Amino acid sequence: MNLSVRRRIGLAMGIVVLVNVAAGAASWYLDTRALHEQDRADAAVRRATWLSTVSNDVTAFVSEATDLAFGVTGGRSEEGSAEYGDLVGTDASVRRLMAQAPVDLPAADAAALAAKWEDLRVAVFVWINAEAETGHSNTRLMLTDTGTLRASVQSNISTPSALIGMDTGSLRREVRRQTEAFRLGVLRTQVDGALAEADTARRREDESRRWASTITLLAIAASLVVAVGAAVWLYRTIAAPLSKAKKVAEAVSSGDYAASFDRHGTDEVGALIHAVEEMRDSVVRRIEVMREMAGAVIVTAEAAAEAARTARERAYGQGDTGQALDAVVSRAETLSDLATQMLDA
């Protein structure tokens, strides 16, 4: 891969960053999913709590209705009695609670809940009015224009077709049946569904958080592996060739002109190695030239010394001429020694 040093380093850093970004994105997604599942679980728990509260309030409503029905059947005058107020209060409590249904309650469940509650509510009112009539009480239950309940001397509550012709005993049993169907059927089913949804959401939340932790650990491991791999790759492609170039340069400076590289690429490091090789070759060429020149000087100096010695022998005993020739021989020998030393260096 003939990449420049800059691109090589950029590629290594890019891979490390890419691994970390991918791991971060995956962890962010899983954390977001875990938070979403946590919200779902919390909402399901709130829905189950609300449904349980509805069940308790409905139980209180039916309990107050039963006490009131048994009271009027016993012949007690219920006109102005607080028991009617207790029934009105529990009825209002359930109605307020039904109006505060959670926004995440499915529309079908909300409709079924409202329908069952309304059927039970009307059945209770019809039963109490029937008991009041049997007990010769002057008080009846009436619905206002706003749907609230109050005690009155007359009733405007119509008897549903399914309840027409039932006596007080049958109405009491019907109220009990509808109560059980409402609490153990509709409410219990919805509570169980909400709790099951919460449990599923909790499991998914835990699973997402476990995966997020696992991916984080894997990302750390992958980052280490990639970082080590990138370091090894950069060392082999950049640091190692530079170290070899340094050793070759040191060898050349020490006089080992045979030192060379096995191979080199075409990037900046390769260009540097090629320049070191050219420097080495240039030094070798110049040294060869210097050797040739030193050899020529030695040959010339030796020839001059030999010629001076021959001339001195011929001019032996001629005074100044002999001394001059001795000086020429001495200088020629000195020049030869200097050239020899230069050649050895």
C-alpha atoms as a PDB file:
ATOM      1  CA  MET A   1       0.000   0.000   0.000  1.00  0.00           C
ATOM      2  CA  ASN A   2       1.875   3.063  -1.260  1.00  0.00           C
ATOM      3  CA  LEU A   3       0.308   5.707   0.933  1.00  0.00           C
ATOM      4  CA  SER A   4       1.962   8.876   2.074  1.00  0.00           C
ATOM      5  CA  VAL A   5       2.995   9.172   5.699  1.00  0.00           C
ATOM      6  CA  ARG A   6       0.277  11.770   6.307  1.00  0.00           C
ATOM      7  CA  ARG A   7      -2.390   9.555   4.777  1.00  0.00           C
ATOM      8  CA  ARG A   8      -1.085   6.544   6.662  1.00  0.00           C
ATOM      9  CA  ILE A   9      -1.314   8.318   9.995  1.00  0.00           C
ATOM     10  CA  GLY A  10      -4.694   9.784   9.048  1.00  0.00           C
ATOM     11  CA  LEU A  11      -5.980   6.333   8.084  1.00  0.00           C
ATOM     12  CA  ALA A  12      -4.847   4.819  11.386  1.00  0.00           C
ATOM     13  CA  MET A  13      -6.448   7.632  13.391  1.00  0.00           C
ATOM     14  CA  GLY A  14      -9.578   7.450  11.269  1.00  0.00           C
ATOM     15  CA  ILE A  15     -10.012   3.730  11.973  1.00  0.00           C
ATOM     16  CA  VAL A  16      -9.640   4.301  15.724  1.00  0.00           C
ATOM     17  CA  VAL A  17     -12.128   7.181  15.637  1.00  0.00           C
ATOM     18  CA  LEU A  18     -14.553   5.171  13.489  1.00  0.00           C
ATOM     19  CA  VAL A  19     -14.506   2.259  15.929  1.00  0.00           C
ATOM     20  CA  ASN A  20     -15.175   4.596  18.858  1.00  0.00           C
ATOM     21  CA  VAL A  21     -17.917   6.499  17.017  1.00  0.00           C
ATOM     22  CA  ALA A  22     -19.650   3.262  16.005  1.00  0.00           C
ATOM     23  CA  ALA A  23     -19.444   1.931  19.550  1.00  0.00           C
ATOM     24  CA  GLY A  24     -20.671   5.248  20.944  1.00  0.00           C
ATOM     25  CA  ALA A  25     -23.613   5.300  18.533  1.00  0.00           C
ATOM     26  CA  ALA A  26     -24.559   1.727  19.446  1.00  0.00           C
ATOM     27  CA  SER A  27     -24.306   2.483  23.165  1.00  0.00           C
ATOM     28  CA  TRP A  28     -26.373   5.662  22.726  1.00  0.00           C
ATOM     29  CA  TYR A  29     -29.054   3.719  20.841  1.00  0.00           C
ATOM     30  CA  LEU A  30     -29.177   1.002  23.491  1.00  0.00           C
ATOM     31  CA  ASP A  31     -29.268   3.541  26.318  1.00  0.00           C
ATOM     32  CA  THR A  32     -32.090   5.391  24.560  1.00  0.00           C
ATOM     33  CA  ARG A  33     -33.939   2.117  24.096  1.00  0.00           C
ATOM     34  CA  ALA A  34     -33.396   1.262  27.766  1.00  0.00           C
ATOM     35  CA  LEU A  35     -34.815   4.643  28.803  1.00  0.00           C
ATOM     36  CA  HIS A  36     -37.791   4.100  26.498  1.00  0.00           C
ATOM     37  CA  GLU A  37     -38.451   0.680  28.018  1.00  0.00           C
ATOM     38  CA  GLN A  38     -38.076   2.174  31.487  1.00  0.00           C
ATOM     39  CA  ASP A  39     -40.717   4.786  30.629  1.00  0.00           C
ATOM     40  CA  ARG A  40     -42.986   2.026  29.298  1.00  0.00           C
ATOM     41  CA  ALA A  41     -42.517   0.006  32.464  1.00  0.00           C
ATOM     42  CA  ASP A  42     -43.208   3.019  34.680  1.00  0.00           C
ATOM     43  CA  ALA A  43     -46.317   3.879  32.664  1.00  0.00           C
ATOM     44  CA  ALA A  44     -47.573   0.284  32.885  1.00  0.00           C
ATOM     45  CA  VAL A  45     -47.016   0.275  36.656  1.00  0.00           C
ATOM     46  CA  ARG A  46     -48.907   3.560  36.978  1.00  0.00           C
ATOM     47  CA  ARG A  47     -51.721   2.090  34.899  1.00  0.00           C
ATOM     48  CA  ALA A  48     -51.852  -1.032  37.068  1.00  0.00           C
ATOM     49  CA  THR A  49     -51.876   1.142  40.196  1.00  0.00           C
ATOM     50  CA  TRP A  50     -54.706   3.234  38.789  1.00  0.00           C
ATOM     51  CA  LEU A  51     -56.711   0.117  37.903  1.00  0.00           C
ATOM     52  CA  SER A  52     -56.171  -1.280  41.407  1.00  0.00           C
ATOM     53  CA  THR A  53     -57.384   2.006  42.878  1.00  0.00           C
ATOM     54  CA  VAL A  54     -60.464   1.848  40.663  1.00  0.00           C
ATOM     55  CA  SER A  55     -61.108  -1.695  41.900  1.00  0.00           C
ATOM     56  CA  ASN A  56     -60.832  -0.579  45.522  1.00  0.00           C
ATOM     57  CA  ASP A  57     -63.146   2.402  45.004  1.00  0.00           C
ATOM     58  CA  VAL A  58     -65.690   0.259  43.162  1.00  0.00           C
ATOM     59  CA  THR A  59     -65.581  -2.214  46.046  1.00  0.00           C
ATOM     60  CA  ALA A  60     -66.230   0.649  48.473  1.00  0.00           C
ATOM     61  CA  PHE A  61     -69.100   1.870  46.274  1.00  0.00           C
ATOM     62  CA  VAL A  62     -70.764  -1.554  46.192  1.00  0.00           C
ATOM     63  CA  SER A  63     -70.191  -1.954  49.925  1.00  0.00           C
ATOM     64  CA  GLU A  64     -71.940   1.353  50.655  1.00  0.00           C
ATOM     65  CA  ALA A  65     -74.742   0.358  48.287  1.00  0.00           C
ATOM     66  CA  THR A  66     -75.180  -2.965  50.075  1.00  0.00           C
ATOM     67  CA  ASP A  67     -75.347  -1.294  53.493  1.00  0.00           C
ATOM     68  CA  LEU A  68     -77.865   1.208  52.172  1.00  0.00           C
ATOM     69  CA  ALA A  69     -80.002  -1.493  50.510  1.00  0.00           C
ATOM     70  CA  PHE A  70     -80.111  -3.593  53.681  1.00  0.00           C
ATOM     71  CA  GLY A  71     -80.989  -0.485  55.668  1.00  0.00           C
ATOM     72  CA  VAL A  72     -83.991   0.507  53.611  1.00  0.00           C
ATOM     73  CA  THR A  73     -85.150  -3.105  53.462  1.00  0.00           C
ATOM     74  CA  GLY A  74     -85.215  -3.143  57.254  1.00  0.00           C
ATOM     75  CA  GLY A  75     -87.834  -0.409  57.241  1.00  0.00           C
ATOM     76  CA  ARG A  76     -85.628   2.378  58.487  1.00  0.00           C
ATOM     77  CA  SER A  77     -86.472   5.775  57.096  1.00  0.00           C
ATOM     78  CA  GLU A  78     -83.544   6.836  54.924  1.00  0.00           C
ATOM     79  CA  GLU A  79     -84.783  10.327  54.291  1.00  0.00           C
ATOM     80  CA  GLY A  80     -81.931  12.612  55.159  1.00  0.00           C
ATOM     81  CA  SER A  81     -79.802   9.613  56.128  1.00  0.00           C
ATOM     82  CA  ALA A  82     -76.028   9.942  55.915  1.00  0.00           C
ATOM     83  CA  GLU A  83     -75.884   6.569  54.169  1.00  0.00           C
ATOM     84  CA  TYR A  84     -77.168   8.123  50.975  1.00  0.00           C
ATOM     85  CA  GLY A  85     -74.383  10.675  51.273  1.00  0.00           C
ATOM     86  CA  ASP A  86     -71.811   7.896  51.670  1.00  0.00           C
ATOM     87  CA  LEU A  87     -73.064   6.257  48.483  1.00  0.00           C
ATOM     88  CA  VAL A  88     -73.038   9.593  46.659  1.00  0.00           C
ATOM     89  CA  GLY A  89     -69.467  10.174  47.865  1.00  0.00           C
ATOM     90  CA  THR A  90     -68.127   6.798  46.713  1.00  0.00           C
ATOM     91  CA  ASP A  91     -69.952   7.177  43.390  1.00  0.00           C
ATOM     92  CA  ALA A  92     -68.358  10.605  42.869  1.00  0.00           C
ATOM     93  CA  SER A  93     -64.950   9.177  43.811  1.00  0.00           C
ATOM     94  CA  VAL A  94     -65.176   6.445  41.185  1.00  0.00           C
ATOM     95  CA  ARG A  95     -66.411   8.879  38.551  1.00  0.00           C
ATOM     96  CA  ARG A  96     -63.513  11.286  39.239  1.00  0.00           C
ATOM     97  CA  LEU A  97     -61.063   8.409  39.062  1.00  0.00           C
ATOM     98  CA  MET A  98     -62.540   7.200  35.773  1.00  0.00           C
ATOM     99  CA  ALA A  99     -62.144  10.718  34.378  1.00  0.00           C
ATOM    100  CA  GLN A 100     -58.433  10.603  35.268  1.00  0.00           C
ATOM    101  CA  ALA A 101     -57.666   7.501  33.217  1.00  0.00           C
ATOM    102  CA  PRO A 102     -54.002   7.254  32.122  1.00  0.00           C
ATOM    103  CA  VAL A 103     -53.344   8.578  28.644  1.00  0.00           C
ATOM    104  CA  ASP A 104     -51.620   5.330  27.672  1.00  0.00           C
ATOM    105  CA  LEU A 105     -54.702   3.239  28.532  1.00  0.00           C
ATOM    106  CA  PRO A 106     -55.736   1.555  25.243  1.00  0.00           C
ATOM    107  CA  ALA A 107     -58.954   2.950  23.824  1.00  0.00           C
ATOM    108  CA  ALA A 108     -60.598  -0.501  23.738  1.00  0.00           C
ATOM    109  CA  ASP A 109     -59.729  -1.117  27.401  1.00  0.00           C
ATOM    110  CA  ALA A 110     -60.976   2.330  28.391  1.00  0.00           C
ATOM    111  CA  ALA A 111     -64.260   1.758  26.518  1.00  0.00           C
ATOM    112  CA  ALA A 112     -64.771  -1.677  28.098  1.00  0.00           C
ATOM    113  CA  LEU A 113     -64.013  -0.266  31.533  1.00  0.00           C
ATOM    114  CA  ALA A 114     -66.444   2.640  31.125  1.00  0.00           C
ATOM    115  CA  ALA A 115     -69.223   0.396  29.783  1.00  0.00           C
ATOM    116  CA  LYS A 116     -68.893  -2.163  32.588  1.00  0.00           C
ATOM    117  CA  TRP A 117     -68.788   0.556  35.212  1.00  0.00           C
ATOM    118  CA  GLU A 118     -71.887   2.251  33.846  1.00  0.00           C
ATOM    119  CA  ASP A 119     -73.791  -1.071  33.742  1.00  0.00           C
ATOM    120  CA  LEU A 120     -72.804  -1.827  37.334  1.00  0.00           C
ATOM    121  CA  ARG A 121     -73.637   1.683  38.498  1.00  0.00           C
ATOM    122  CA  VAL A 122     -77.139   1.626  36.998  1.00  0.00           C
ATOM    123  CA  ALA A 123     -77.793  -1.892  38.343  1.00  0.00           C
ATOM    124  CA  VAL A 124     -76.853  -0.688  41.851  1.00  0.00           C
ATOM    125  CA  PHE A 125     -79.175   2.319  41.570  1.00  0.00           C
ATOM    126  CA  VAL A 126     -82.086   0.177  40.342  1.00  0.00           C
ATOM    127  CA  TRP A 127     -81.478  -2.352  43.146  1.00  0.00           C
ATOM    128  CA  ILE A 128     -81.402   0.316  45.874  1.00  0.00           C
ATOM    129  CA  ASN A 129     -84.555   1.979  44.507  1.00  0.00           C
ATOM    130  CA  ALA A 130     -86.254  -1.422  44.446  1.00  0.00           C
ATOM    131  CA  GLU A 131     -85.198  -2.098  48.048  1.00  0.00           C
ATOM    132  CA  ALA A 132     -86.432   1.381  49.067  1.00  0.00           C
ATOM    133  CA  GLU A 133     -89.775   0.687  47.468  1.00  0.00           C
ATOM    134  CA  THR A 134     -90.010  -2.697  49.190  1.00  0.00           C
ATOM    135  CA  GLY A 135     -89.107  -1.101  52.530  1.00  0.00           C
ATOM    136  CA  HIS A 136     -91.639   1.729  51.969  1.00  0.00           C
ATOM    137  CA  SER A 137     -88.912   4.376  52.107  1.00  0.00           C
ATOM    138  CA  ASN A 138     -89.712   7.811  50.714  1.00  0.00           C
ATOM    139  CA  THR A 139     -86.184   8.352  49.402  1.00  0.00           C
ATOM    140  CA  ARG A 140     -85.014   7.405  45.926  1.00  0.00           C
ATOM    141  CA  LEU A 141     -81.832   7.885  43.926  1.00  0.00           C
ATOM    142  CA  MET A 142     -81.808  10.498  41.158  1.00  0.00           C
ATOM    143  CA  LEU A 143     -79.225  11.521  38.565  1.00  0.00           C
ATOM    144  CA  THR A 144     -78.645  15.237  37.971  1.00  0.00           C
ATOM    145  CA  ASP A 145     -78.075  16.829  34.581  1.00  0.00           C
ATOM    146  CA  THR A 146     -74.333  16.607  35.153  1.00  0.00           C
ATOM    147  CA  GLY A 147     -74.526  12.869  35.864  1.00  0.00           C
ATOM    148  CA  THR A 148     -73.944  13.131  39.609  1.00  0.00           C
ATOM    149  CA  LEU A 149     -76.038  11.192  42.101  1.00  0.00           C
ATOM    150  CA  ARG A 150     -78.300  12.576  44.829  1.00  0.00           C
ATOM    151  CA  ALA A 151     -81.146  11.457  47.091  1.00  0.00           C
ATOM    152  CA  SER A 152     -84.640  12.617  46.199  1.00  0.00           C
ATOM    153  CA  VAL A 153     -88.284  11.756  46.747  1.00  0.00           C
ATOM    154  CA  GLN A 154     -88.466  10.464  43.197  1.00  0.00           C
ATOM    155  CA  SER A 155     -86.138   8.802  40.702  1.00  0.00           C
ATOM    156  CA  ASN A 156     -85.401   9.502  37.079  1.00  0.00           C
ATOM    157  CA  ILE A 157     -83.268   6.365  36.639  1.00  0.00           C
ATOM    158  CA  SER A 158     -84.695   4.046  34.003  1.00  0.00           C
ATOM    159  CA  THR A 159     -84.488   0.303  34.492  1.00  0.00           C
ATOM    160  CA  PRO A 160     -82.412  -1.402  31.745  1.00  0.00           C
ATOM    161  CA  SER A 161     -84.301  -4.015  29.752  1.00  0.00           C
ATOM    162  CA  ALA A 162     -82.051  -6.766  31.152  1.00  0.00           C
ATOM    163  CA  LEU A 163     -83.198  -5.884  34.702  1.00  0.00           C
ATOM    164  CA  ILE A 164     -86.912  -5.456  34.098  1.00  0.00           C
ATOM    165  CA  GLY A 165     -89.017  -7.937  36.060  1.00  0.00           C
ATOM    166  CA  MET A 166     -86.301  -8.807  38.590  1.00  0.00           C
ATOM    167  CA  ASP A 167     -87.193  -8.793  42.265  1.00  0.00           C
ATOM    168  CA  THR A 168     -84.847  -7.408  44.917  1.00  0.00           C
ATOM    169  CA  GLY A 169     -83.180 -10.783  45.453  1.00  0.00           C
ATOM    170  CA  SER A 170     -82.483 -11.181  41.757  1.00  0.00           C
ATOM    171  CA  LEU A 171     -81.237  -7.613  41.533  1.00  0.00           C
ATOM    172  CA  ARG A 172     -78.906  -8.225  44.478  1.00  0.00           C
ATOM    173  CA  ARG A 173     -77.495 -11.315  42.783  1.00  0.00           C
ATOM    174  CA  GLU A 174     -77.142  -9.409  39.491  1.00  0.00           C
ATOM    175  CA  VAL A 175     -75.251  -6.619  41.246  1.00  0.00           C
ATOM    176  CA  ARG A 176     -72.948  -9.203  42.838  1.00  0.00           C
ATOM    177  CA  ARG A 177     -72.403 -10.890  39.464  1.00  0.00           C
ATOM    178  CA  GLN A 178     -71.641  -7.625  37.681  1.00  0.00           C
ATOM    179  CA  THR A 179     -69.341  -6.557  40.517  1.00  0.00           C
ATOM    180  CA  GLU A 180     -67.347  -9.781  40.258  1.00  0.00           C
ATOM    181  CA  ALA A 181     -67.286  -9.542  36.469  1.00  0.00           C
ATOM    182  CA  PHE A 182     -66.088  -5.942  36.669  1.00  0.00           C
ATOM    183  CA  ARG A 183     -63.426  -6.469  39.342  1.00  0.00           C
ATOM    184  CA  LEU A 184     -62.221  -9.964  38.471  1.00  0.00           C
ATOM    185  CA  GLY A 185     -62.940  -9.796  34.772  1.00  0.00           C
ATOM    186  CA  VAL A 186     -62.264  -6.369  33.281  1.00  0.00           C
ATOM    187  CA  LEU A 187     -60.135  -4.806  36.018  1.00  0.00           C
ATOM    188  CA  ARG A 188     -58.085  -7.894  36.889  1.00  0.00           C
ATOM    189  CA  THR A 189     -57.467  -8.658  33.228  1.00  0.00           C
ATOM    190  CA  GLN A 190     -56.253  -5.126  32.588  1.00  0.00           C
ATOM    191  CA  VAL A 191     -54.136  -5.091  35.752  1.00  0.00           C
ATOM    192  CA  ASP A 192     -52.502  -8.385  34.772  1.00  0.00           C
ATOM    193  CA  GLY A 193     -51.906  -7.055  31.277  1.00  0.00           C
ATOM    194  CA  ALA A 194     -50.330  -3.868  32.638  1.00  0.00           C
ATOM    195  CA  LEU A 195     -48.102  -5.800  35.030  1.00  0.00           C
ATOM    196  CA  ALA A 196     -47.075  -8.203  32.263  1.00  0.00           C
ATOM    197  CA  GLU A 197     -46.237  -5.242  30.032  1.00  0.00           C
ATOM    198  CA  ALA A 198     -44.210  -3.688  32.850  1.00  0.00           C
ATOM    199  CA  ASP A 199     -42.351  -6.953  33.387  1.00  0.00           C
ATOM    200  CA  THR A 200     -41.596  -7.252  29.673  1.00  0.00           C
ATOM    201  CA  ALA A 201     -40.417  -3.652  29.523  1.00  0.00           C
ATOM    202  CA  ARG A 202     -38.179  -4.202  32.565  1.00  0.00           C
ATOM    203  CA  ARG A 203     -36.613  -7.255  30.934  1.00  0.00           C
ATOM    204  CA  ARG A 204     -36.019  -5.340  27.711  1.00  0.00           C
ATOM    205  CA  GLU A 205     -34.559  -2.456  29.693  1.00  0.00           C
ATOM    206  CA  ASP A 206     -32.179  -4.797  31.503  1.00  0.00           C
ATOM    207  CA  GLU A 207     -31.281  -6.480  28.224  1.00  0.00           C
ATOM    208  CA  SER A 208     -30.561  -3.149  26.547  1.00  0.00           C
ATOM    209  CA  ARG A 209     -28.408  -2.005  29.449  1.00  0.00           C
ATOM    210  CA  ARG A 210     -26.495  -5.301  29.425  1.00  0.00           C
ATOM    211  CA  TRP A 211     -25.903  -4.973  25.699  1.00  0.00           C
ATOM    212  CA  ALA A 212     -24.810  -1.361  26.159  1.00  0.00           C
ATOM    213  CA  SER A 213     -22.288  -2.450  28.786  1.00  0.00           C
ATOM    214  CA  THR A 214     -21.101  -5.319  26.594  1.00  0.00           C
ATOM    215  CA  ILE A 215     -20.688  -3.081  23.556  1.00  0.00           C
ATOM    216  CA  THR A 216     -18.804  -0.540  25.648  1.00  0.00           C
ATOM    217  CA  LEU A 217     -16.375  -3.231  26.812  1.00  0.00           C
ATOM    218  CA  LEU A 218     -16.060  -4.589  23.271  1.00  0.00           C
ATOM    219  CA  ALA A 219     -15.438  -1.063  21.994  1.00  0.00           C
ATOM    220  CA  ILE A 220     -12.660  -0.578  24.523  1.00  0.00           C
ATOM    221  CA  ALA A 221     -11.113  -3.909  23.509  1.00  0.00           C
ATOM    222  CA  ALA A 222     -11.531  -3.133  19.801  1.00  0.00           C
ATOM    223  CA  SER A 223     -10.008   0.317  20.284  1.00  0.00           C
ATOM    224  CA  LEU A 224      -7.001  -1.226  22.006  1.00  0.00           C
ATOM    225  CA  VAL A 225      -6.603  -3.824  19.257  1.00  0.00           C
ATOM    226  CA  VAL A 226      -6.956  -1.230  16.509  1.00  0.00           C
ATOM    227  CA  ALA A 227      -4.610   1.174  18.295  1.00  0.00           C
ATOM    228  CA  VAL A 228      -1.970  -1.540  18.770  1.00  0.00           C
ATOM    229  CA  GLY A 229      -2.408  -2.699  15.174  1.00  0.00           C
ATOM    230  CA  ALA A 230      -2.121   0.856  13.901  1.00  0.00           C
ATOM    231  CA  ALA A 231       0.980   1.427  16.036  1.00  0.00           C
ATOM    232  CA  VAL A 232       2.615  -1.746  14.710  1.00  0.00           C
ATOM    233  CA  TRP A 233       1.698  -0.845  11.144  1.00  0.00           C
ATOM    234  CA  LEU A 234       3.044   2.695  11.503  1.00  0.00           C
ATOM    235  CA  TYR A 235       6.199   1.374  13.158  1.00  0.00           C
ATOM    236  CA  ARG A 236       6.853  -1.134  10.369  1.00  0.00           C
ATOM    237  CA  THR A 237       6.113   1.334   7.590  1.00  0.00           C
ATOM    238  CA  ILE A 238       7.572   4.529   9.088  1.00  0.00           C
ATOM    239  CA  ALA A 239       9.646   4.085  12.241  1.00  0.00           C
ATOM    240  CA  ALA A 240      11.517   0.926  11.174  1.00  0.00           C
ATOM    241  CA  PRO A 241      12.617   2.316   7.767  1.00  0.00           C
ATOM    242  CA  LEU A 242      13.689   5.575   9.443  1.00  0.00           C
ATOM    243  CA  SER A 243      15.706   3.615  11.998  1.00  0.00           C
ATOM    244  CA  LYS A 244      17.332   1.664   9.153  1.00  0.00           C
ATOM    245  CA  ALA A 245      18.114   4.917   7.352  1.00  0.00           C
ATOM    246  CA  LYS A 246      19.738   6.232  10.522  1.00  0.00           C
ATOM    247  CA  LYS A 247      21.892   3.116  10.847  1.00  0.00           C
ATOM    248  CA  VAL A 248      22.964   3.305   7.193  1.00  0.00           C
ATOM    249  CA  ALA A 249      23.855   6.984   7.587  1.00  0.00           C
ATOM    250  CA  GLU A 250      25.888   6.170  10.694  1.00  0.00           C
ATOM    251  CA  ALA A 251      27.623   3.311   8.848  1.00  0.00           C
ATOM    252  CA  VAL A 252      28.510   5.609   5.948  1.00  0.00           C
ATOM    253  CA  SER A 253      29.846   8.220   8.367  1.00  0.00           C
ATOM    254  CA  SER A 254      32.000   5.468   9.911  1.00  0.00           C
ATOM    255  CA  GLY A 255      33.435   4.519   6.537  1.00  0.00           C
ATOM    256  CA  ASP A 256      31.257   1.504   5.728  1.00  0.00           C
ATOM    257  CA  TYR A 257      30.279   2.493   2.195  1.00  0.00           C
ATOM    258  CA  ALA A 258      28.798  -0.958   1.453  1.00  0.00           C
ATOM    259  CA  ALA A 259      25.848  -0.388   3.818  1.00  0.00           C
ATOM    260  CA  SER A 260      22.564  -0.391   1.900  1.00  0.00           C
ATOM    261  CA  PHE A 261      18.793  -0.873   2.236  1.00  0.00           C
ATOM    262  CA  ASP A 262      16.912  -3.987   1.353  1.00  0.00           C
ATOM    263  CA  ARG A 263      14.073  -2.088  -0.260  1.00  0.00           C
ATOM    264  CA  HIS A 264      12.082   1.101   0.095  1.00  0.00           C
ATOM    265  CA  GLY A 265       8.728   2.436  -1.028  1.00  0.00           C
ATOM    266  CA  THR A 266       7.693   5.516  -2.917  1.00  0.00           C
ATOM    267  CA  ASP A 267       6.411   7.569   0.025  1.00  0.00           C
ATOM    268  CA  GLU A 268       8.238  10.237   2.006  1.00  0.00           C
ATOM    269  CA  VAL A 269      10.193   7.612   3.946  1.00  0.00           C
ATOM    270  CA  GLY A 270      11.181   5.927   0.691  1.00  0.00           C
ATOM    271  CA  ALA A 271      12.260   9.290  -0.727  1.00  0.00           C
ATOM    272  CA  LEU A 272      14.384   9.888   2.378  1.00  0.00           C
ATOM    273  CA  ILE A 273      16.022   6.458   2.053  1.00  0.00           C
ATOM    274  CA  HIS A 274      16.649   7.067  -1.637  1.00  0.00           C
ATOM    275  CA  ALA A 275      18.292  10.390  -0.748  1.00  0.00           C
ATOM    276  CA  VAL A 276      20.513   8.654   1.824  1.00  0.00           C
ATOM    277  CA  GLU A 277      21.531   6.093  -0.802  1.00  0.00           C
ATOM    278  CA  GLU A 278      22.335   8.864  -3.292  1.00  0.00           C
ATOM    279  CA  MET A 279      24.369  10.634  -0.612  1.00  0.00           C
ATOM    280  CA  ARG A 280      26.266   7.425   0.051  1.00  0.00           C
ATOM    281  CA  ASP A 281      26.914   6.862  -3.650  1.00  0.00           C
ATOM    282  CA  SER A 282      28.041  10.485  -4.039  1.00  0.00           C
ATOM    283  CA  VAL A 283      30.464  10.144  -1.124  1.00  0.00           C
ATOM    284  CA  VAL A 284      31.800   6.889  -2.574  1.00  0.00           C
ATOM    285  CA  ARG A 285      32.339   8.512  -5.986  1.00  0.00           C
ATOM    286  CA  ARG A 286      34.140  11.479  -4.469  1.00  0.00           C
ATOM    287  CA  ILE A 287      36.331   9.223  -2.381  1.00  0.00           C
ATOM    288  CA  GLU A 288      37.244   7.217  -5.470  1.00  0.00           C
ATOM    289  CA  VAL A 289      38.178  10.442  -7.244  1.00  0.00           C
ATOM    290  CA  MET A 290      40.240  11.489  -4.255  1.00  0.00           C
ATOM    291  CA  ARG A 291      41.941   8.098  -4.234  1.00  0.00           C
ATOM    292  CA  GLU A 292      42.811   8.422  -7.900  1.00  0.00           C
ATOM    293  CA  MET A 293      44.129  11.904  -7.342  1.00  0.00           C
ATOM    294  CA  ALA A 294      46.155  10.762  -4.316  1.00  0.00           C
ATOM    295  CA  GLY A 295      47.575   7.872  -6.336  1.00  0.00           C
ATOM    296  CA  ALA A 296      48.533  10.237  -9.111  1.00  0.00           C
ATOM    297  CA  VAL A 297      50.214  12.554  -6.610  1.00  0.00           C
ATOM    298  CA  ILE A 298      52.137   9.625  -5.116  1.00  0.00           C
ATOM    299  CA  VAL A 299      53.330   8.463  -8.532  1.00  0.00           C
ATOM    300  CA  THR A 300      54.306  11.983  -9.515  1.00  0.00           C
ATOM    301  CA  ALA A 301      56.064  12.628  -6.194  1.00  0.00           C
ATOM    302  CA  GLU A 302      57.969   9.378  -6.395  1.00  0.00           C
ATOM    303  CA  ALA A 303      58.992  10.116  -9.987  1.00  0.00           C
ATOM    304  CA  ALA A 304      60.139  13.589  -8.976  1.00  0.00           C
ATOM    305  CA  ALA A 305      62.084  12.188  -6.031  1.00  0.00           C
ATOM    306  CA  GLU A 306      63.721   9.561  -8.227  1.00  0.00           C
ATOM    307  CA  ALA A 307      64.661  12.158 -10.828  1.00  0.00           C
ATOM    308  CA  ALA A 308      66.079  14.412  -8.108  1.00  0.00           C
ATOM    309  CA  ARG A 309      68.132  11.572  -6.670  1.00  0.00           C
ATOM    310  CA  THR A 310      69.510  10.728 -10.114  1.00  0.00           C
ATOM    311  CA  ALA A 311      70.372  14.369 -10.780  1.00  0.00           C
ATOM    312  CA  ARG A 312      72.010  14.654  -7.353  1.00  0.00           C
ATOM    313  CA  GLU A 313      74.203  11.665  -8.059  1.00  0.00           C
ATOM    314  CA  ARG A 314      75.329  13.223 -11.311  1.00  0.00           C
ATOM    315  CA  ALA A 315      75.950  16.565  -9.653  1.00  0.00           C
ATOM    316  CA  TYR A 316      77.751  15.037  -6.687  1.00  0.00           C
ATOM    317  CA  GLY A 317      80.329  17.414  -5.236  1.00  0.00           C
ATOM    318  CA  GLN A 318      79.013  20.507  -7.065  1.00  0.00           C
ATOM    319  CA  GLY A 319      78.178  22.447  -3.898  1.00  0.00           C
ATOM    320  CA  ASP A 320      74.903  24.380  -3.960  1.00  0.00           C
ATOM    321  CA  THR A 321      73.379  22.297  -6.736  1.00  0.00           C
ATOM    322  CA  GLY A 322      73.685  19.111  -4.731  1.00  0.00           C
ATOM    323  CA  GLN A 323      72.110  20.734  -1.713  1.00  0.00           C
ATOM    324  CA  ALA A 324      69.199  21.986  -3.815  1.00  0.00           C
ATOM    325  CA  LEU A 325      68.623  18.544  -5.238  1.00  0.00           C
ATOM    326  CA  ASP A 326      68.673  17.095  -1.702  1.00  0.00           C
ATOM    327  CA  ALA A 327      65.914  19.531  -0.756  1.00  0.00           C
ATOM    328  CA  VAL A 328      63.865  18.529  -3.824  1.00  0.00           C
ATOM    329  CA  VAL A 329      64.185  14.840  -2.901  1.00  0.00           C
ATOM    330  CA  SER A 330      63.166  15.548   0.703  1.00  0.00           C
ATOM    331  CA  ARG A 331      60.072  17.548  -0.365  1.00  0.00           C
ATOM    332  CA  ALA A 332      59.091  14.921  -2.942  1.00  0.00           C
ATOM    333  CA  GLU A 333      59.296  12.188  -0.307  1.00  0.00           C
ATOM    334  CA  THR A 334      57.274  14.343   2.119  1.00  0.00           C
ATOM    335  CA  LEU A 335      54.615  14.906  -0.576  1.00  0.00           C
ATOM    336  CA  SER A 336      54.524  11.175  -1.257  1.00  0.00           C
ATOM    337  CA  ASP A 337      54.071  10.410   2.454  1.00  0.00           C
ATOM    338  CA  LEU A 338      51.213  12.958   2.721  1.00  0.00           C
ATOM    339  CA  ALA A 339      49.462  11.492  -0.317  1.00  0.00           C
ATOM    340  CA  THR A 340      49.867   7.995   1.111  1.00  0.00           C
ATOM    341  CA  GLN A 341      48.353   9.110   4.422  1.00  0.00           C
ATOM    342  CA  MET A 342      45.443  10.789   2.605  1.00  0.00           C
ATOM    343  CA  LEU A 343      44.849   7.626   0.624  1.00  0.00           C
ATOM    344  CA  ASP A 344      44.848   5.525   3.782  1.00  0.00           C
ATOM    345  CA  ALA A 345      42.360   7.930   5.392  1.00  0.00           C
END
